[in-house]
Amino acid sequence: MSPHRDARRPGRHGRPHVALVTDSTASLPPRVAEQWGVVVVPLDVVIGGERRREGVDLASADLAAALESGARVTTSQPAPAAFADVYARLAAAGAREIVSMHLSGDLSGTVRSAQVAALAAPIPVHVVDSRSVVMGLGFAVLSAAQAVRGLQPGEVAASTSGDPVDGSRARRLREMVGRRQRAEADVDAVEVAQRARQVGSQASAWFLVDSLEHLRRGGRLSATAAALGTVLGLRPILTLRDGRIDVAEKVRTRRAARDRLEAVAVAEVRRRGGARVAVHHLGQPDVAAEMAHQLEAWLGDLVGAVEVCEVSAVIGAHVGPGLLAVVVADS
């Protein structure tokens, strides 16, 4: 089932539920976006003068190779027309409202493009500035999807498992489907948008990169912060503060920086009493998987499975090769 088909599916008594839209910087794995019926609008990446759409005709691995080769890479937000087209198609398919969730407005004009398109949309569009990025935004989107479907995080695995269904489990699944149908018929789009906004704004993210030069050149990090982050050859750990990227601390070696990245994530999950966690990478799947396994071992029941995602190509273009990141968000 395609994301578009699921996003257009009517709810109980033929009434359509709220449709969900995000942008490709959420770094949602395609299988996850499809499962939850989220429509993803791609951002553009220009490599050596050639414009490509991330997630459509550009994979993060291709972007990593281009960066390693020294190719000139720039990015651009979707035009309002791209969002207008998506909103119009969802409305034509029967959606009565749309919640459109995007990366921090301090990092990109994407949310502004969505707001412009929303003004002329044929149905109400609630645009959310998540104040976050990558799976900080992604988790906000998933929280909105769960609100629309009437499912709690702990119910997701049960509803999609391929295990044999016994009598009690079949009964639970029927109950979940009934709640989902009622929720889709009665969902309040304003409340869904608020839930996404809250999860995104309260998400925490830390990034380990090999160099701050890409962020400095792209204007996502001040020259002063970039200089302080690389003084004496120290490895910078970046964080997202109030929608902006900043240097959190500096560590002497990459190994020490990785250890520190894990430590701050563990401390944050324990402070929250449980959370969702994702590990991002750019061309380092084995390193990311190792970190995810370590976090799961330390945190046990405080987290479910840690999601391992290659970072969005657009984000990769701004941080450069060597990215390793951890995102922590409320369930």
C-alpha atoms as a PDB file:
ATOM      1  CA  MET A   1       0.000   0.000   0.000  1.00  0.00           C
ATOM      2  CA  SER A   2       1.443   3.371  -0.978  1.00  0.00           C
ATOM      3  CA  PRO A   3       1.684   6.295   1.473  1.00  0.00           C
ATOM      4  CA  HIS A   4      -0.695   8.262  -0.753  1.00  0.00           C
ATOM      5  CA  ARG A   5      -3.331   5.539  -0.795  1.00  0.00           C
ATOM      6  CA  ASP A   6      -3.259   5.140   2.989  1.00  0.00           C
ATOM      7  CA  ALA A   7      -3.338   8.890   3.582  1.00  0.00           C
ATOM      8  CA  ARG A   8      -6.506   9.105   1.475  1.00  0.00           C
ATOM      9  CA  ARG A   9      -8.359   6.162   3.006  1.00  0.00           C
ATOM     10  CA  PRO A  10     -11.802   7.096   4.406  1.00  0.00           C
ATOM     11  CA  GLY A  11     -12.554   6.533   8.061  1.00  0.00           C
ATOM     12  CA  ARG A  12     -15.670   5.100   9.657  1.00  0.00           C
ATOM     13  CA  HIS A  13     -18.985   5.622   7.810  1.00  0.00           C
ATOM     14  CA  GLY A  14     -17.000   6.812   4.769  1.00  0.00           C
ATOM     15  CA  ARG A  15     -15.701   9.930   6.465  1.00  0.00           C
ATOM     16  CA  PRO A  16     -12.016  10.506   5.635  1.00  0.00           C
ATOM     17  CA  HIS A  17      -9.486  10.873   8.412  1.00  0.00           C
ATOM     18  CA  VAL A  18      -6.879  13.604   8.723  1.00  0.00           C
ATOM     19  CA  ALA A  19      -4.056  13.264   6.183  1.00  0.00           C
ATOM     20  CA  LEU A  20      -0.431  13.654   7.263  1.00  0.00           C
ATOM     21  CA  VAL A  21       2.384  15.326   5.343  1.00  0.00           C
ATOM     22  CA  THR A  22       6.047  15.859   6.175  1.00  0.00           C
ATOM     23  CA  ASP A  23       9.280  16.561   4.321  1.00  0.00           C
ATOM     24  CA  SER A  24      12.212  14.304   3.531  1.00  0.00           C
ATOM     25  CA  THR A  25      14.472  15.735   6.252  1.00  0.00           C
ATOM     26  CA  ALA A  26      12.437  13.686   8.758  1.00  0.00           C
ATOM     27  CA  SER A  27      14.639  10.777   7.582  1.00  0.00           C
ATOM     28  CA  LEU A  28      11.730   8.363   8.013  1.00  0.00           C
ATOM     29  CA  PRO A  29      12.618   4.978   6.535  1.00  0.00           C
ATOM     30  CA  PRO A  30      10.316   4.410   3.519  1.00  0.00           C
ATOM     31  CA  ARG A  31       8.747   1.328   5.142  1.00  0.00           C
ATOM     32  CA  VAL A  32       7.785   3.421   8.187  1.00  0.00           C
ATOM     33  CA  ALA A  33       6.263   6.243   6.131  1.00  0.00           C
ATOM     34  CA  GLU A  34       4.305   3.680   4.142  1.00  0.00           C
ATOM     35  CA  GLN A  35       3.102   1.828   7.236  1.00  0.00           C
ATOM     36  CA  TRP A  36       1.737   5.012   8.782  1.00  0.00           C
ATOM     37  CA  GLY A  37       0.387   6.556   5.584  1.00  0.00           C
ATOM     38  CA  VAL A  38       2.589   9.661   5.699  1.00  0.00           C
ATOM     39  CA  VAL A  39       3.052  11.647   2.482  1.00  0.00           C
ATOM     40  CA  VAL A  40       6.692  12.795   2.199  1.00  0.00           C
ATOM     41  CA  VAL A  41       7.541  15.892   0.133  1.00  0.00           C
ATOM     42  CA  PRO A  42      11.177  15.729  -1.045  1.00  0.00           C
ATOM     43  CA  LEU A  43      13.687  18.535  -0.764  1.00  0.00           C
ATOM     44  CA  ASP A  44      16.121  19.158  -3.619  1.00  0.00           C
ATOM     45  CA  VAL A  45      19.835  18.478  -3.603  1.00  0.00           C
ATOM     46  CA  VAL A  46      22.034  19.977  -6.327  1.00  0.00           C
ATOM     47  CA  ILE A  47      25.234  18.012  -7.012  1.00  0.00           C
ATOM     48  CA  GLY A  48      27.632  19.551  -9.505  1.00  0.00           C
ATOM     49  CA  GLY A  49      24.808  21.584 -11.027  1.00  0.00           C
ATOM     50  CA  GLU A  50      22.425  18.615 -11.343  1.00  0.00           C
ATOM     51  CA  ARG A  51      19.187  18.974  -9.370  1.00  0.00           C
ATOM     52  CA  ARG A  52      17.842  15.801  -7.749  1.00  0.00           C
ATOM     53  CA  ARG A  53      15.062  15.026  -5.268  1.00  0.00           C
ATOM     54  CA  GLU A  54      16.080  13.212  -2.131  1.00  0.00           C
ATOM     55  CA  GLY A  55      14.412   9.896  -1.600  1.00  0.00           C
ATOM     56  CA  VAL A  56      13.209   9.915  -5.222  1.00  0.00           C
ATOM     57  CA  ASP A  57      16.292   9.932  -7.432  1.00  0.00           C
ATOM     58  CA  LEU A  58      18.962  10.525  -4.787  1.00  0.00           C
ATOM     59  CA  ALA A  59      19.910   8.174  -1.961  1.00  0.00           C
ATOM     60  CA  SER A  60      21.976   9.209   1.051  1.00  0.00           C
ATOM     61  CA  ALA A  61      24.719   6.824  -0.072  1.00  0.00           C
ATOM     62  CA  ASP A  62      25.007   8.691  -3.386  1.00  0.00           C
ATOM     63  CA  LEU A  63      25.252  11.952  -1.488  1.00  0.00           C
ATOM     64  CA  ALA A  64      28.015  10.565   0.746  1.00  0.00           C
ATOM     65  CA  ALA A  65      29.994   9.502  -2.321  1.00  0.00           C
ATOM     66  CA  ALA A  66      29.586  12.973  -3.847  1.00  0.00           C
ATOM     67  CA  LEU A  67      30.788  14.656  -0.667  1.00  0.00           C
ATOM     68  CA  GLU A  68      33.788  12.340  -0.434  1.00  0.00           C
ATOM     69  CA  SER A  69      34.715  13.185  -4.031  1.00  0.00           C
ATOM     70  CA  GLY A  70      34.670  16.903  -3.261  1.00  0.00           C
ATOM     71  CA  ALA A  71      31.715  17.703  -5.531  1.00  0.00           C
ATOM     72  CA  ARG A  72      29.898  20.964  -4.878  1.00  0.00           C
ATOM     73  CA  VAL A  73      26.625  20.203  -3.111  1.00  0.00           C
ATOM     74  CA  THR A  74      23.807  22.627  -2.296  1.00  0.00           C
ATOM     75  CA  THR A  75      20.207  22.151  -1.188  1.00  0.00           C
ATOM     76  CA  SER A  76      16.900  23.906  -1.623  1.00  0.00           C
ATOM     77  CA  GLN A  77      13.487  23.721  -0.008  1.00  0.00           C
ATOM     78  CA  PRO A  78      10.380  22.642  -1.938  1.00  0.00           C
ATOM     79  CA  ALA A  79       8.520  25.457  -3.655  1.00  0.00           C
ATOM     80  CA  PRO A  80       5.035  26.271  -2.322  1.00  0.00           C
ATOM     81  CA  ALA A  81       3.677  24.694  -5.516  1.00  0.00           C
ATOM     82  CA  ALA A  82       5.033  21.299  -4.460  1.00  0.00           C
ATOM     83  CA  PHE A  83       3.037  21.430  -1.224  1.00  0.00           C
ATOM     84  CA  ALA A  84       0.003  22.908  -2.989  1.00  0.00           C
ATOM     85  CA  ASP A  85      -0.055  19.936  -5.356  1.00  0.00           C
ATOM     86  CA  VAL A  86       0.062  17.436  -2.475  1.00  0.00           C
ATOM     87  CA  TYR A  87      -2.639  19.283  -0.517  1.00  0.00           C
ATOM     88  CA  ALA A  88      -4.916  19.464  -3.577  1.00  0.00           C
ATOM     89  CA  ARG A  89      -4.517  15.754  -4.339  1.00  0.00           C
ATOM     90  CA  LEU A  90      -5.289  14.775  -0.756  1.00  0.00           C
ATOM     91  CA  ALA A  91      -8.358  17.012  -0.742  1.00  0.00           C
ATOM     92  CA  ALA A  92      -9.546  15.581  -4.065  1.00  0.00           C
ATOM     93  CA  ALA A  93      -9.173  12.093  -2.596  1.00  0.00           C
ATOM     94  CA  GLY A  94     -11.486  13.016   0.285  1.00  0.00           C
ATOM     95  CA  ALA A  95      -9.302  14.252   3.151  1.00  0.00           C
ATOM     96  CA  ARG A  96     -11.133  16.836   5.243  1.00  0.00           C
ATOM     97  CA  GLU A  97      -8.040  18.278   6.992  1.00  0.00           C
ATOM     98  CA  ILE A  98      -4.256  17.985   6.723  1.00  0.00           C
ATOM     99  CA  VAL A  99      -1.491  18.202   9.324  1.00  0.00           C
ATOM    100  CA  SER A 100       1.766  19.181   7.610  1.00  0.00           C
ATOM    101  CA  MET A 101       4.891  18.819   9.791  1.00  0.00           C
ATOM    102  CA  HIS A 102       8.356  20.138   8.924  1.00  0.00           C
ATOM    103  CA  LEU A 103      11.899  20.781  10.065  1.00  0.00           C
ATOM    104  CA  SER A 104      12.805  23.784  12.166  1.00  0.00           C
ATOM    105  CA  GLY A 105      12.103  27.097  10.495  1.00  0.00           C
ATOM    106  CA  ASP A 106      15.460  28.352  11.772  1.00  0.00           C
ATOM    107  CA  LEU A 107      17.235  25.776   9.582  1.00  0.00           C
ATOM    108  CA  SER A 108      15.186  25.969   6.388  1.00  0.00           C
ATOM    109  CA  GLY A 109      12.420  27.858   4.642  1.00  0.00           C
ATOM    110  CA  THR A 110      10.524  24.597   4.071  1.00  0.00           C
ATOM    111  CA  VAL A 111       7.914  25.302   6.728  1.00  0.00           C
ATOM    112  CA  ARG A 112       7.346  28.742   5.188  1.00  0.00           C
ATOM    113  CA  SER A 113       6.693  27.156   1.786  1.00  0.00           C
ATOM    114  CA  ALA A 114       4.144  24.874   3.423  1.00  0.00           C
ATOM    115  CA  GLN A 115       2.477  27.845   5.132  1.00  0.00           C
ATOM    116  CA  VAL A 116       2.189  29.742   1.831  1.00  0.00           C
ATOM    117  CA  ALA A 117       0.643  26.710   0.131  1.00  0.00           C
ATOM    118  CA  ALA A 118      -1.742  26.185   3.040  1.00  0.00           C
ATOM    119  CA  LEU A 119      -3.271  29.641   2.517  1.00  0.00           C
ATOM    120  CA  ALA A 120      -4.750  28.580  -0.817  1.00  0.00           C
ATOM    121  CA  ALA A 121      -5.459  24.923  -0.011  1.00  0.00           C
ATOM    122  CA  PRO A 122      -9.045  23.719  -0.604  1.00  0.00           C
ATOM    123  CA  ILE A 123      -9.250  22.244   2.932  1.00  0.00           C
ATOM    124  CA  PRO A 124      -7.763  23.347   6.281  1.00  0.00           C
ATOM    125  CA  VAL A 125      -4.021  22.653   6.581  1.00  0.00           C
ATOM    126  CA  HIS A 126      -2.385  22.831  10.008  1.00  0.00           C
ATOM    127  CA  VAL A 127       1.323  23.557   9.448  1.00  0.00           C
ATOM    128  CA  VAL A 128       3.670  22.524  12.260  1.00  0.00           C
ATOM    129  CA  ASP A 129       7.176  23.899  12.761  1.00  0.00           C
ATOM    130  CA  SER A 130       8.621  20.969  14.714  1.00  0.00           C
ATOM    131  CA  ARG A 131      11.630  23.017  15.901  1.00  0.00           C
ATOM    132  CA  SER A 132      13.542  19.820  15.213  1.00  0.00           C
ATOM    133  CA  VAL A 133      15.027  17.777  12.363  1.00  0.00           C
ATOM    134  CA  VAL A 134      15.815  14.181  11.330  1.00  0.00           C
ATOM    135  CA  MET A 135      14.020  11.707  13.623  1.00  0.00           C
ATOM    136  CA  GLY A 136      13.218  14.501  16.084  1.00  0.00           C
ATOM    137  CA  LEU A 137      10.800  15.528  13.334  1.00  0.00           C
ATOM    138  CA  GLY A 138      10.230  11.888  12.404  1.00  0.00           C
ATOM    139  CA  PHE A 139       9.090  10.948  15.910  1.00  0.00           C
ATOM    140  CA  ALA A 140       6.771  13.965  15.927  1.00  0.00           C
ATOM    141  CA  VAL A 141       5.230  12.691  12.700  1.00  0.00           C
ATOM    142  CA  LEU A 142       4.823   9.184  14.112  1.00  0.00           C
ATOM    143  CA  SER A 143       3.165  10.567  17.240  1.00  0.00           C
ATOM    144  CA  ALA A 144       0.698  12.404  15.005  1.00  0.00           C
ATOM    145  CA  ALA A 145       0.061   9.222  13.012  1.00  0.00           C
ATOM    146  CA  GLN A 146      -0.665   7.290  16.188  1.00  0.00           C
ATOM    147  CA  ALA A 147      -3.038  10.019  17.349  1.00  0.00           C
ATOM    148  CA  VAL A 148      -4.921   9.766  14.040  1.00  0.00           C
ATOM    149  CA  ARG A 149      -5.175   5.989  14.242  1.00  0.00           C
ATOM    150  CA  GLY A 150      -6.001   5.816  17.919  1.00  0.00           C
ATOM    151  CA  LEU A 151      -3.025   3.559  18.669  1.00  0.00           C
ATOM    152  CA  GLN A 152      -0.539   3.866  21.487  1.00  0.00           C
ATOM    153  CA  PRO A 153       3.170   3.149  20.819  1.00  0.00           C
ATOM    154  CA  GLY A 154       3.033  -0.184  22.608  1.00  0.00           C
ATOM    155  CA  GLU A 155       0.206  -1.356  20.361  1.00  0.00           C
ATOM    156  CA  VAL A 156       2.048  -0.813  17.099  1.00  0.00           C
ATOM    157  CA  ALA A 157       4.063  -4.047  17.127  1.00  0.00           C
ATOM    158  CA  ALA A 158       1.030  -6.113  18.035  1.00  0.00           C
ATOM    159  CA  SER A 159      -0.978  -4.713  15.140  1.00  0.00           C
ATOM    160  CA  THR A 160       1.711  -5.452  12.535  1.00  0.00           C
ATOM    161  CA  SER A 161       3.262  -8.669  13.814  1.00  0.00           C
ATOM    162  CA  GLY A 162       3.255 -11.667  11.537  1.00  0.00           C
ATOM    163  CA  ASP A 163       3.085 -14.133  14.431  1.00  0.00           C
ATOM    164  CA  PRO A 164       0.164 -16.612  14.609  1.00  0.00           C
ATOM    165  CA  VAL A 165      -2.925 -15.034  16.160  1.00  0.00           C
ATOM    166  CA  ASP A 166      -4.442 -16.857  19.130  1.00  0.00           C
ATOM    167  CA  GLY A 167      -7.931 -16.168  20.468  1.00  0.00           C
ATOM    168  CA  SER A 168      -6.969 -13.529  23.034  1.00  0.00           C
ATOM    169  CA  ARG A 169      -4.654 -11.742  20.636  1.00  0.00           C
ATOM    170  CA  ALA A 170      -7.300 -11.757  17.899  1.00  0.00           C
ATOM    171  CA  ARG A 171      -9.707 -10.176  20.383  1.00  0.00           C
ATOM    172  CA  ARG A 172      -7.163  -7.464  21.254  1.00  0.00           C
ATOM    173  CA  LEU A 173      -6.587  -6.766  17.574  1.00  0.00           C
ATOM    174  CA  ARG A 174     -10.336  -6.402  16.975  1.00  0.00           C
ATOM    175  CA  GLU A 175     -10.536  -3.967  19.867  1.00  0.00           C
ATOM    176  CA  MET A 176      -7.598  -1.985  18.458  1.00  0.00           C
ATOM    177  CA  VAL A 177      -9.224  -1.847  15.021  1.00  0.00           C
ATOM    178  CA  GLY A 178     -12.456  -0.627  16.596  1.00  0.00           C
ATOM    179  CA  ARG A 179     -10.619   2.134  18.465  1.00  0.00           C
ATOM    180  CA  ARG A 180      -8.768   3.063  15.310  1.00  0.00           C
ATOM    181  CA  GLN A 181     -12.002   3.374  13.318  1.00  0.00           C
ATOM    182  CA  ARG A 182     -13.605   5.528  16.009  1.00  0.00           C
ATOM    183  CA  ALA A 183     -10.486   7.687  16.313  1.00  0.00           C
ATOM    184  CA  GLU A 184     -10.252   8.251  12.563  1.00  0.00           C
ATOM    185  CA  ALA A 185     -13.866   9.352  12.444  1.00  0.00           C
ATOM    186  CA  ASP A 186     -13.586  11.716  15.410  1.00  0.00           C
ATOM    187  CA  VAL A 187      -9.958  12.880  15.310  1.00  0.00           C
ATOM    188  CA  ASP A 188      -9.326  16.558  16.014  1.00  0.00           C
ATOM    189  CA  ALA A 189      -6.673  17.825  13.606  1.00  0.00           C
ATOM    190  CA  VAL A 190      -5.758  20.704  15.926  1.00  0.00           C
ATOM    191  CA  GLU A 191      -4.964  18.239  18.709  1.00  0.00           C
ATOM    192  CA  VAL A 192      -2.941  16.067  16.306  1.00  0.00           C
ATOM    193  CA  ALA A 193      -0.907  19.116  15.233  1.00  0.00           C
ATOM    194  CA  GLN A 194      -0.362  20.101  18.860  1.00  0.00           C
ATOM    195  CA  ARG A 195       0.868  16.625  19.732  1.00  0.00           C
ATOM    196  CA  ALA A 196       3.360  16.721  16.863  1.00  0.00           C
ATOM    197  CA  ARG A 197       4.512  20.202  17.867  1.00  0.00           C
ATOM    198  CA  GLN A 198       5.060  19.123  21.466  1.00  0.00           C
ATOM    199  CA  VAL A 199       7.026  15.967  20.606  1.00  0.00           C
ATOM    200  CA  GLY A 200       9.191  17.804  18.070  1.00  0.00           C
ATOM    201  CA  SER A 201       9.960  20.797  20.258  1.00  0.00           C
ATOM    202  CA  GLN A 202      10.893  18.580  23.209  1.00  0.00           C
ATOM    203  CA  ALA A 203      13.069  16.166  21.220  1.00  0.00           C
ATOM    204  CA  SER A 204      16.797  16.138  21.946  1.00  0.00           C
ATOM    205  CA  ALA A 205      19.456  15.508  19.320  1.00  0.00           C
ATOM    206  CA  TRP A 206      23.248  15.292  19.378  1.00  0.00           C
ATOM    207  CA  PHE A 207      25.499  15.111  16.320  1.00  0.00           C
ATOM    208  CA  LEU A 208      29.081  14.012  15.887  1.00  0.00           C
ATOM    209  CA  VAL A 209      30.718  15.232  12.666  1.00  0.00           C
ATOM    210  CA  ASP A 210      34.209  15.119  11.218  1.00  0.00           C
ATOM    211  CA  SER A 211      34.264  18.816  10.327  1.00  0.00           C
ATOM    212  CA  LEU A 212      32.172  21.915  10.982  1.00  0.00           C
ATOM    213  CA  GLU A 213      33.101  23.452   7.649  1.00  0.00           C
ATOM    214  CA  HIS A 214      29.982  22.213   5.827  1.00  0.00           C
ATOM    215  CA  LEU A 215      27.694  23.697   8.486  1.00  0.00           C
ATOM    216  CA  ARG A 216      29.616  26.987   8.496  1.00  0.00           C
ATOM    217  CA  ARG A 217      29.487  27.296   4.696  1.00  0.00           C
ATOM    218  CA  GLY A 218      25.758  26.560   4.675  1.00  0.00           C
ATOM    219  CA  GLY A 219      25.038  29.203   7.314  1.00  0.00           C
ATOM    220  CA  ARG A 220      23.686  26.678   9.822  1.00  0.00           C
ATOM    221  CA  LEU A 221      26.473  27.395  12.292  1.00  0.00           C
ATOM    222  CA  SER A 222      28.146  30.724  13.028  1.00  0.00           C
ATOM    223  CA  ALA A 223      31.793  31.229  12.135  1.00  0.00           C
ATOM    224  CA  THR A 224      32.555  31.835  15.808  1.00  0.00           C
ATOM    225  CA  ALA A 225      30.910  28.592  16.915  1.00  0.00           C
ATOM    226  CA  ALA A 226      32.662  26.706  14.116  1.00  0.00           C
ATOM    227  CA  ALA A 227      36.034  28.112  15.158  1.00  0.00           C
ATOM    228  CA  LEU A 228      35.472  27.251  18.814  1.00  0.00           C
ATOM    229  CA  GLY A 229      34.326  23.769  17.863  1.00  0.00           C
ATOM    230  CA  THR A 230      37.543  22.920  16.057  1.00  0.00           C
ATOM    231  CA  VAL A 231      40.112  24.673  18.251  1.00  0.00           C
ATOM    232  CA  LEU A 232      43.054  22.475  19.246  1.00  0.00           C
ATOM    233  CA  GLY A 233      41.744  19.693  17.023  1.00  0.00           C
ATOM    234  CA  LEU A 234      38.989  18.724  19.449  1.00  0.00           C
ATOM    235  CA  ARG A 235      36.003  16.728  18.177  1.00  0.00           C
ATOM    236  CA  PRO A 236      32.794  18.765  18.442  1.00  0.00           C
ATOM    237  CA  ILE A 237      29.477  17.331  19.584  1.00  0.00           C
ATOM    238  CA  LEU A 238      26.634  19.431  18.238  1.00  0.00           C
ATOM    239  CA  THR A 239      23.111  19.721  19.584  1.00  0.00           C
ATOM    240  CA  LEU A 240      19.819  21.280  18.595  1.00  0.00           C
ATOM    241  CA  ARG A 241      18.813  24.140  20.903  1.00  0.00           C
ATOM    242  CA  ASP A 242      15.521  25.941  20.318  1.00  0.00           C
ATOM    243  CA  GLY A 243      15.510  24.891  16.679  1.00  0.00           C
ATOM    244  CA  ARG A 244      19.127  25.919  16.019  1.00  0.00           C
ATOM    245  CA  ILE A 245      22.360  23.927  15.778  1.00  0.00           C
ATOM    246  CA  ASP A 246      25.012  24.764  18.366  1.00  0.00           C
ATOM    247  CA  VAL A 247      28.228  23.262  19.731  1.00  0.00           C
ATOM    248  CA  ALA A 248      27.370  21.320  22.908  1.00  0.00           C
ATOM    249  CA  GLU A 249      30.855  20.244  23.954  1.00  0.00           C
ATOM    250  CA  LYS A 250      34.252  19.229  22.618  1.00  0.00           C
ATOM    251  CA  VAL A 251      36.015  15.896  23.072  1.00  0.00           C
ATOM    252  CA  ARG A 252      39.597  14.960  22.224  1.00  0.00           C
ATOM    253  CA  THR A 253      39.107  11.860  20.056  1.00  0.00           C
ATOM    254  CA  ARG A 254      36.355  10.428  17.854  1.00  0.00           C
ATOM    255  CA  ARG A 255      36.157   7.312  20.036  1.00  0.00           C
ATOM    256  CA  ALA A 256      35.710   9.474  23.125  1.00  0.00           C
ATOM    257  CA  ALA A 257      33.125  11.529  21.250  1.00  0.00           C
ATOM    258  CA  ARG A 258      31.151   8.388  20.372  1.00  0.00           C
ATOM    259  CA  ASP A 259      31.241   7.298  24.008  1.00  0.00           C
ATOM    260  CA  ARG A 260      30.052  10.738  25.059  1.00  0.00           C
ATOM    261  CA  LEU A 261      27.242  10.661  22.477  1.00  0.00           C
ATOM    262  CA  GLU A 262      26.009   7.395  23.976  1.00  0.00           C
ATOM    263  CA  ALA A 263      26.344   8.712  27.533  1.00  0.00           C
ATOM    264  CA  VAL A 264      24.279  11.864  26.958  1.00  0.00           C
ATOM    265  CA  ALA A 265      21.567   9.840  25.193  1.00  0.00           C
ATOM    266  CA  VAL A 266      21.372   7.329  28.060  1.00  0.00           C
ATOM    267  CA  ALA A 267      21.187  10.135  30.616  1.00  0.00           C
ATOM    268  CA  GLU A 268      18.408  11.850  28.667  1.00  0.00           C
ATOM    269  CA  VAL A 269      16.301   8.697  28.325  1.00  0.00           C
ATOM    270  CA  ARG A 270      16.659   7.988  32.045  1.00  0.00           C
ATOM    271  CA  ARG A 271      15.743  11.582  32.882  1.00  0.00           C
ATOM    272  CA  ARG A 272      12.539  11.205  30.858  1.00  0.00           C
ATOM    273  CA  GLY A 273      11.764   7.821  32.382  1.00  0.00           C
ATOM    274  CA  GLY A 274      11.600   6.242  28.933  1.00  0.00           C
ATOM    275  CA  ALA A 275      11.672   7.494  25.349  1.00  0.00           C
ATOM    276  CA  ARG A 276      11.974   6.680  21.680  1.00  0.00           C
ATOM    277  CA  VAL A 277      15.527   6.654  20.349  1.00  0.00           C
ATOM    278  CA  ALA A 278      17.038   6.757  16.864  1.00  0.00           C
ATOM    279  CA  VAL A 279      20.645   6.548  15.708  1.00  0.00           C
ATOM    280  CA  HIS A 280      21.512   8.317  12.451  1.00  0.00           C
ATOM    281  CA  HIS A 281      24.536   7.862  10.248  1.00  0.00           C
ATOM    282  CA  LEU A 282      25.868   8.833   6.839  1.00  0.00           C
ATOM    283  CA  GLY A 283      27.529   5.843   5.193  1.00  0.00           C
ATOM    284  CA  GLN A 284      28.366   4.108   8.510  1.00  0.00           C
ATOM    285  CA  PRO A 285      25.632   1.479   9.010  1.00  0.00           C
ATOM    286  CA  ASP A 286      27.819  -0.882  11.059  1.00  0.00           C
ATOM    287  CA  VAL A 287      28.915   1.851  13.470  1.00  0.00           C
ATOM    288  CA  ALA A 288      25.326   3.038  13.885  1.00  0.00           C
ATOM    289  CA  ALA A 289      24.046  -0.508  14.461  1.00  0.00           C
ATOM    290  CA  GLU A 290      26.719  -1.081  17.102  1.00  0.00           C
ATOM    291  CA  MET A 291      25.713   2.096  18.912  1.00  0.00           C
ATOM    292  CA  ALA A 292      22.019   1.185  18.751  1.00  0.00           C
ATOM    293  CA  HIS A 293      22.768  -2.267  20.215  1.00  0.00           C
ATOM    294  CA  GLN A 294      24.753  -0.684  23.030  1.00  0.00           C
ATOM    295  CA  LEU A 295      21.968   1.769  23.847  1.00  0.00           C
ATOM    296  CA  GLU A 296      19.392  -1.023  23.908  1.00  0.00           C
ATOM    297  CA  ALA A 297      21.599  -3.037  26.272  1.00  0.00           C
ATOM    298  CA  TRP A 298      22.011  -0.110  28.663  1.00  0.00           C
ATOM    299  CA  LEU A 299      18.445   1.149  28.589  1.00  0.00           C
ATOM    300  CA  GLY A 300      16.477  -2.106  28.522  1.00  0.00           C
ATOM    301  CA  ASP A 301      12.755  -1.538  29.047  1.00  0.00           C
ATOM    302  CA  LEU A 302      13.140   2.249  28.971  1.00  0.00           C
ATOM    303  CA  VAL A 303      13.257   2.047  25.166  1.00  0.00           C
ATOM    304  CA  GLY A 304      11.908  -0.274  22.509  1.00  0.00           C
ATOM    305  CA  ALA A 305      14.032  -1.152  19.529  1.00  0.00           C
ATOM    306  CA  VAL A 306      16.357   1.728  18.666  1.00  0.00           C
ATOM    307  CA  GLU A 307      15.697   2.853  15.096  1.00  0.00           C
ATOM    308  CA  VAL A 308      18.806   2.978  12.871  1.00  0.00           C
ATOM    309  CA  CYS A 309      18.382   5.385   9.943  1.00  0.00           C
ATOM    310  CA  GLU A 310      20.681   6.795   7.314  1.00  0.00           C
ATOM    311  CA  VAL A 311      20.318  10.533   7.618  1.00  0.00           C
ATOM    312  CA  SER A 312      18.413  12.557   5.047  1.00  0.00           C
ATOM    313  CA  ALA A 313      20.587  13.524   2.069  1.00  0.00           C
ATOM    314  CA  VAL A 314      19.772  17.198   2.643  1.00  0.00           C
ATOM    315  CA  ILE A 315      21.000  17.039   6.239  1.00  0.00           C
ATOM    316  CA  GLY A 316      24.022  15.026   5.112  1.00  0.00           C
ATOM    317  CA  ALA A 317      24.899  17.762   2.631  1.00  0.00           C
ATOM    318  CA  HIS A 318      25.046  20.298   5.471  1.00  0.00           C
ATOM    319  CA  VAL A 319      26.970  18.241   8.028  1.00  0.00           C
ATOM    320  CA  GLY A 320      29.340  16.399   5.680  1.00  0.00           C
ATOM    321  CA  PRO A 321      30.865  12.914   5.878  1.00  0.00           C
ATOM    322  CA  GLY A 322      31.301  11.094   9.162  1.00  0.00           C
ATOM    323  CA  LEU A 323      27.953  12.010  10.708  1.00  0.00           C
ATOM    324  CA  LEU A 324      26.786   9.990  13.704  1.00  0.00           C
ATOM    325  CA  ALA A 325      23.777  11.235  15.650  1.00  0.00           C
ATOM    326  CA  VAL A 326      21.362  10.211  18.392  1.00  0.00           C
ATOM    327  CA  VAL A 327      17.816  11.504  18.770  1.00  0.00           C
ATOM    328  CA  VAL A 328      15.679  11.078  21.886  1.00  0.00           C
ATOM    329  CA  ALA A 329      11.971  11.928  21.898  1.00  0.00           C
ATOM    330  CA  ASP A 330       8.916  11.281  24.038  1.00  0.00           C
ATOM    331  CA  SER A 331       6.793   8.244  23.230  1.00  0.00           C
END
